[in-house]
Amino acid sequence: MAESTVEVRQRIRELLVDLFGNDLFVDKVSDSVSLRQAGMSSTALVSLLVAMEDAFGFEWDEDVRPEALRSIESLADHVVSLR
């Protein structure tokens, strides 16, 4: 059964904690806030995208819309749309 958007959002939050070793960043960022504006570096975003490929079993397309990479919400929506 495909995961719901809520489940995917939670899994992305877990990946962020795994990647960065604490939940301080994750706790202060809402699902709709821009990750870049919240302070995530471009290298950290790339690390998250790679972790998401492994966790959800897909590969990012080279032509993915930048809006899809904006927030936890948009990332989750993109993953769910692939299923």
Protein backbone atom coordinates (compact mmCIF):
# COMPACT_ATOMS: atom_id res chain seq x y z
CA MET A 1 0.00 0.00 0.00
CA ALA A 2 1.30 3.45 -0.90
CA GLU A 3 2.27 5.75 1.91
CA SER A 4 0.14 8.79 2.62
CA THR A 5 1.51 12.31 2.41
CA VAL A 6 1.48 12.51 6.21
CA GLU A 7 3.56 9.33 6.48
CA VAL A 8 6.01 10.58 3.86
CA ARG A 9 6.36 13.93 5.66
CA GLN A 10 7.14 12.09 8.88
CA ARG A 11 9.72 9.91 7.15
CA ILE A 12 11.39 13.01 5.65
CA ARG A 13 11.58 14.50 9.15
CA GLU A 14 13.19 11.27 10.38
CA LEU A 15 15.72 11.45 7.53
CA LEU A 16 16.57 15.02 8.52
CA VAL A 17 17.22 13.92 12.10
CA ASP A 18 19.34 10.99 10.88
CA LEU A 19 21.36 13.25 8.59
CA PHE A 20 21.98 16.09 10.99
CA GLY A 21 22.18 14.25 14.29
CA ASN A 22 19.57 16.19 16.22
CA ASP A 23 16.00 17.31 15.95
CA LEU A 24 16.47 21.02 16.71
CA PHE A 25 16.19 22.03 13.05
CA VAL A 26 13.32 19.64 12.41
CA ASP A 27 11.35 20.80 15.44
CA LYS A 28 11.44 24.46 14.44
CA VAL A 29 10.55 24.01 10.75
CA SER A 30 6.94 23.60 9.72
CA ASP A 31 6.05 21.44 6.74
CA SER A 32 5.36 24.42 4.48
CA VAL A 33 8.43 26.57 5.30
CA SER A 34 11.17 26.88 2.69
CA LEU A 35 14.05 24.68 3.82
CA ARG A 36 16.56 27.13 2.33
CA GLN A 37 15.00 30.09 4.16
CA ALA A 38 15.03 28.01 7.34
CA GLY A 39 18.81 27.73 7.02
CA MET A 40 19.41 24.48 5.18
CA SER A 41 22.53 24.65 3.01
CA SER A 42 22.58 23.42 -0.56
CA THR A 43 24.88 20.54 0.40
CA ALA A 44 22.51 19.52 3.18
CA LEU A 45 19.60 19.59 0.74
CA VAL A 46 21.52 17.36 -1.67
CA SER A 47 22.21 14.93 1.20
CA LEU A 48 18.50 14.88 2.00
CA LEU A 49 17.58 14.25 -1.64
CA VAL A 50 20.00 11.31 -1.84
CA ALA A 51 18.64 9.89 1.44
CA MET A 52 15.11 10.24 0.06
CA GLU A 53 16.06 8.26 -3.05
CA ASP A 54 17.27 5.43 -0.84
CA ALA A 55 14.35 5.59 1.58
CA PHE A 56 11.58 5.82 -1.00
CA GLY A 57 13.14 3.85 -3.87
CA PHE A 58 13.19 6.39 -6.68
CA GLU A 59 15.62 8.68 -8.48
CA TRP A 60 15.14 12.41 -8.90
CA ASP A 61 14.62 13.51 -12.49
CA GLU A 62 17.05 16.09 -13.80
CA ASP A 63 14.13 18.27 -14.81
CA VAL A 64 12.30 18.20 -11.46
CA ARG A 65 10.60 21.52 -10.79
CA PRO A 66 12.46 23.62 -8.21
CA GLU A 67 9.16 24.12 -6.35
CA ALA A 68 9.16 20.39 -5.57
CA LEU A 69 12.36 20.84 -3.55
CA ARG A 70 11.17 23.81 -1.51
CA SER A 71 9.73 22.36 1.70
CA ILE A 72 8.96 19.15 3.54
CA GLU A 73 5.41 19.47 2.23
CA SER A 74 6.45 19.85 -1.41
CA LEU A 75 9.00 17.04 -1.13
CA ALA A 76 6.35 14.72 0.30
CA ASP A 77 3.83 15.70 -2.36
CA HIS A 78 6.38 14.88 -5.04
CA VAL A 79 7.12 11.45 -3.57
CA VAL A 80 3.43 10.61 -3.28
CA SER A 81 2.82 11.75 -6.88
CA LEU A 82 5.39 9.21 -8.09
CA ARG A 83 3.48 6.29 -6.58
